[in-house]
Amino acid sequence: MKKSANVTVSIVAAVGIAAGADQRLDPCSSTTFDEAACRAAIQNNGYCWNGRWVRLKYHYPFPYYYDTYWEFVTAGGVANPAVVGTCGPPRGGIWGAHGALARAGFGSTGACHSAHS
């Protein structure tokens, strides 16, 4: 029994380390709040993390996230601002120019039309 318990603990620890290594820091989270990055993330529906675009729909306006951060700090919390990159939202590809999943097909029934073409 002791040997299987050690194996289980090792597997759980490895999974925990792997999960923590790829943890994204949201610039609107109380613990990693950055005002300019949060405003940009809300406006662009996402942010750049480790050179890749993280698509995220924020459900509240900026003041909500700022107030949540301020409550956290005034309660004694220490925020470490998230450092986000500058990769920007994807253009084209499967998401299309407007962030919607592009649809393709044959003929006019499956064509992807854009008002800005």
C-alpha atoms as a PDB file:
ATOM      1  CA  MET A   1       0.000   0.000   0.000  1.00  0.00           C
ATOM      2  CA  LYS A   2       2.761   2.417   0.818  1.00  0.00           C
ATOM      3  CA  LYS A   3       4.301   2.156  -2.653  1.00  0.00           C
ATOM      4  CA  SER A   4       1.003   2.906  -4.463  1.00  0.00           C
ATOM      5  CA  ALA A   5       0.385   5.905  -2.193  1.00  0.00           C
ATOM      6  CA  ASN A   6       3.795   7.337  -3.143  1.00  0.00           C
ATOM      7  CA  VAL A   7       3.040   6.861  -6.841  1.00  0.00           C
ATOM      8  CA  THR A   8      -0.346   8.583  -6.442  1.00  0.00           C
ATOM      9  CA  VAL A   9       1.215  11.527  -4.615  1.00  0.00           C
ATOM     10  CA  SER A  10       3.903  11.844  -7.310  1.00  0.00           C
ATOM     11  CA  ILE A  11       1.319  11.864 -10.104  1.00  0.00           C
ATOM     12  CA  VAL A  12      -0.833  14.457  -8.322  1.00  0.00           C
ATOM     13  CA  ALA A  13       2.230  16.656  -7.717  1.00  0.00           C
ATOM     14  CA  ALA A  14       3.324  16.418 -11.357  1.00  0.00           C
ATOM     15  CA  VAL A  15      -0.141  17.356 -12.601  1.00  0.00           C
ATOM     16  CA  GLY A  16      -0.264  20.294 -10.190  1.00  0.00           C
ATOM     17  CA  ILE A  17       3.116  21.604 -11.330  1.00  0.00           C
ATOM     18  CA  ALA A  18       2.175  21.252 -14.995  1.00  0.00           C
ATOM     19  CA  ALA A  19      -1.129  23.057 -14.457  1.00  0.00           C
ATOM     20  CA  GLY A  20       0.534  25.909 -12.579  1.00  0.00           C
ATOM     21  CA  ALA A  21       3.229  26.373 -15.213  1.00  0.00           C
ATOM     22  CA  ASP A  22       0.697  27.370 -17.882  1.00  0.00           C
ATOM     23  CA  GLN A  23      -1.533  29.495 -15.651  1.00  0.00           C
ATOM     24  CA  ARG A  24      -2.614  32.633 -17.475  1.00  0.00           C
ATOM     25  CA  LEU A  25      -2.567  35.876 -15.553  1.00  0.00           C
ATOM     26  CA  ASP A  26      -5.721  37.850 -16.312  1.00  0.00           C
ATOM     27  CA  PRO A  27      -5.023  41.610 -16.225  1.00  0.00           C
ATOM     28  CA  CYS A  28      -8.528  42.202 -14.792  1.00  0.00           C
ATOM     29  CA  SER A  29      -8.186  39.756 -11.902  1.00  0.00           C
ATOM     30  CA  SER A  30      -7.837  41.334  -8.445  1.00  0.00           C
ATOM     31  CA  THR A  31      -4.515  39.638  -7.764  1.00  0.00           C
ATOM     32  CA  THR A  32      -2.923  40.515 -11.132  1.00  0.00           C
ATOM     33  CA  PHE A  33      -4.781  43.739 -11.970  1.00  0.00           C
ATOM     34  CA  ASP A  34      -3.222  46.194 -14.452  1.00  0.00           C
ATOM     35  CA  GLU A  35      -5.450  49.153 -15.329  1.00  0.00           C
ATOM     36  CA  ALA A  36      -4.292  49.819 -18.903  1.00  0.00           C
ATOM     37  CA  ALA A  37      -4.086  46.121 -19.801  1.00  0.00           C
ATOM     38  CA  CYS A  38      -7.508  45.455 -18.256  1.00  0.00           C
ATOM     39  CA  ARG A  39      -9.135  48.269 -20.241  1.00  0.00           C
ATOM     40  CA  ALA A  40      -7.555  46.932 -23.458  1.00  0.00           C
ATOM     41  CA  ALA A  41      -8.579  43.336 -22.658  1.00  0.00           C
ATOM     42  CA  ILE A  42     -12.196  44.363 -22.099  1.00  0.00           C
ATOM     43  CA  GLN A  43     -12.258  46.379 -25.318  1.00  0.00           C
ATOM     44  CA  ASN A  44     -10.605  43.616 -27.387  1.00  0.00           C
ATOM     45  CA  ASN A  45     -12.317  40.613 -25.747  1.00  0.00           C
ATOM     46  CA  GLY A  46      -8.996  39.123 -24.718  1.00  0.00           C
ATOM     47  CA  TYR A  47      -5.320  39.695 -24.140  1.00  0.00           C
ATOM     48  CA  CYS A  48      -1.900  38.443 -25.176  1.00  0.00           C
ATOM     49  CA  TRP A  49      -0.236  35.883 -22.904  1.00  0.00           C
ATOM     50  CA  ASN A  50       3.111  34.243 -23.690  1.00  0.00           C
ATOM     51  CA  GLY A  51       2.887  35.374 -27.318  1.00  0.00           C
ATOM     52  CA  ARG A  52      -0.570  33.875 -27.900  1.00  0.00           C
ATOM     53  CA  TRP A  53      -3.961  35.531 -27.962  1.00  0.00           C
ATOM     54  CA  VAL A  54      -6.266  34.508 -25.096  1.00  0.00           C
ATOM     55  CA  ARG A  55      -9.867  35.053 -26.122  1.00  0.00           C
ATOM     56  CA  LEU A  56     -11.933  36.127 -23.148  1.00  0.00           C
ATOM     57  CA  LYS A  57     -15.337  37.779 -22.995  1.00  0.00           C
ATOM     58  CA  TYR A  58     -15.596  40.118 -20.025  1.00  0.00           C
ATOM     59  CA  HIS A  59     -19.149  40.288 -18.727  1.00  0.00           C
ATOM     60  CA  TYR A  60     -18.851  43.540 -16.802  1.00  0.00           C
ATOM     61  CA  PRO A  61     -17.611  47.062 -17.614  1.00  0.00           C
ATOM     62  CA  PHE A  62     -14.192  48.243 -16.417  1.00  0.00           C
ATOM     63  CA  PRO A  63     -15.384  49.861 -13.141  1.00  0.00           C
ATOM     64  CA  TYR A  64     -16.480  46.455 -11.835  1.00  0.00           C
ATOM     65  CA  TYR A  65     -12.964  44.986 -12.197  1.00  0.00           C
ATOM     66  CA  TYR A  66     -11.343  48.129 -10.792  1.00  0.00           C
ATOM     67  CA  ASP A  67     -13.661  48.089  -7.747  1.00  0.00           C
ATOM     68  CA  THR A  68     -12.974  44.397  -7.151  1.00  0.00           C
ATOM     69  CA  TYR A  69      -9.233  45.082  -7.309  1.00  0.00           C
ATOM     70  CA  TRP A  70      -9.552  48.078  -4.963  1.00  0.00           C
ATOM     71  CA  GLU A  71     -11.518  46.021  -2.412  1.00  0.00           C
ATOM     72  CA  PHE A  72      -8.815  43.340  -2.567  1.00  0.00           C
ATOM     73  CA  VAL A  73      -6.003  45.859  -1.959  1.00  0.00           C
ATOM     74  CA  THR A  74      -7.799  47.753   0.824  1.00  0.00           C
ATOM     75  CA  ALA A  75      -8.417  44.438   2.596  1.00  0.00           C
ATOM     76  CA  GLY A  76      -4.639  43.915   2.713  1.00  0.00           C
ATOM     77  CA  GLY A  77      -4.149  41.985  -0.509  1.00  0.00           C
ATOM     78  CA  VAL A  78      -1.046  42.548  -2.604  1.00  0.00           C
ATOM     79  CA  ALA A  79      -1.492  42.651  -6.354  1.00  0.00           C
ATOM     80  CA  ASN A  80       1.253  41.644  -8.778  1.00  0.00           C
ATOM     81  CA  PRO A  81       0.262  43.210 -12.120  1.00  0.00           C
ATOM     82  CA  ALA A  82       0.055  40.802 -15.021  1.00  0.00           C
ATOM     83  CA  VAL A  83       2.577  41.443 -17.754  1.00  0.00           C
ATOM     84  CA  VAL A  84       0.703  40.987 -21.007  1.00  0.00           C
ATOM     85  CA  GLY A  85       2.236  40.978 -24.449  1.00  0.00           C
ATOM     86  CA  THR A  86       1.368  42.942 -27.546  1.00  0.00           C
ATOM     87  CA  CYS A  87       0.362  40.194 -29.966  1.00  0.00           C
ATOM     88  CA  GLY A  88      -3.172  41.608 -30.367  1.00  0.00           C
ATOM     89  CA  PRO A  89      -6.325  39.807 -31.401  1.00  0.00           C
ATOM     90  CA  PRO A  90      -6.068  37.468 -34.395  1.00  0.00           C
ATOM     91  CA  ARG A  91      -6.921  38.830 -37.823  1.00  0.00           C
ATOM     92  CA  GLY A  92      -8.283  36.486 -40.428  1.00  0.00           C
ATOM     93  CA  GLY A  93      -7.694  32.761 -39.937  1.00  0.00           C
ATOM     94  CA  ILE A  94     -10.583  30.726 -38.569  1.00  0.00           C
ATOM     95  CA  TRP A  95     -11.835  33.693 -36.526  1.00  0.00           C
ATOM     96  CA  GLY A  96     -12.301  36.117 -39.403  1.00  0.00           C
ATOM     97  CA  ALA A  97     -11.719  39.861 -39.350  1.00  0.00           C
ATOM     98  CA  HIS A  98     -14.392  40.568 -36.750  1.00  0.00           C
ATOM     99  CA  GLY A  99     -13.608  37.826 -34.235  1.00  0.00           C
ATOM    100  CA  ALA A 100     -16.465  35.602 -35.397  1.00  0.00           C
ATOM    101  CA  LEU A 101     -15.785  32.083 -36.527  1.00  0.00           C
ATOM    102  CA  ALA A 102     -15.378  32.289 -40.299  1.00  0.00           C
ATOM    103  CA  ARG A 103     -17.583  29.985 -42.350  1.00  0.00           C
ATOM    104  CA  ALA A 104     -16.509  28.576 -45.652  1.00  0.00           C
ATOM    105  CA  GLY A 105     -18.162  26.426 -48.240  1.00  0.00           C
ATOM    106  CA  PHE A 106     -18.898  26.151 -51.933  1.00  0.00           C
ATOM    107  CA  GLY A 107     -20.558  28.871 -53.930  1.00  0.00           C
ATOM    108  CA  SER A 108     -22.438  31.858 -52.577  1.00  0.00           C
ATOM    109  CA  THR A 109     -24.233  29.838 -49.874  1.00  0.00           C
ATOM    110  CA  GLY A 110     -21.002  29.138 -48.005  1.00  0.00           C
ATOM    111  CA  ALA A 111     -19.016  32.258 -48.824  1.00  0.00           C
ATOM    112  CA  CYS A 112     -17.762  34.421 -45.996  1.00  0.00           C
ATOM    113  CA  HIS A 113     -18.709  38.015 -46.731  1.00  0.00           C
ATOM    114  CA  SER A 114     -17.308  41.078 -45.036  1.00  0.00           C
ATOM    115  CA  ALA A 115     -18.616  44.631 -45.006  1.00  0.00           C
ATOM    116  CA  HIS A 116     -15.017  45.852 -45.143  1.00  0.00           C
ATOM    117  CA  SER A 117     -13.923  43.875 -48.214  1.00  0.00           C
END
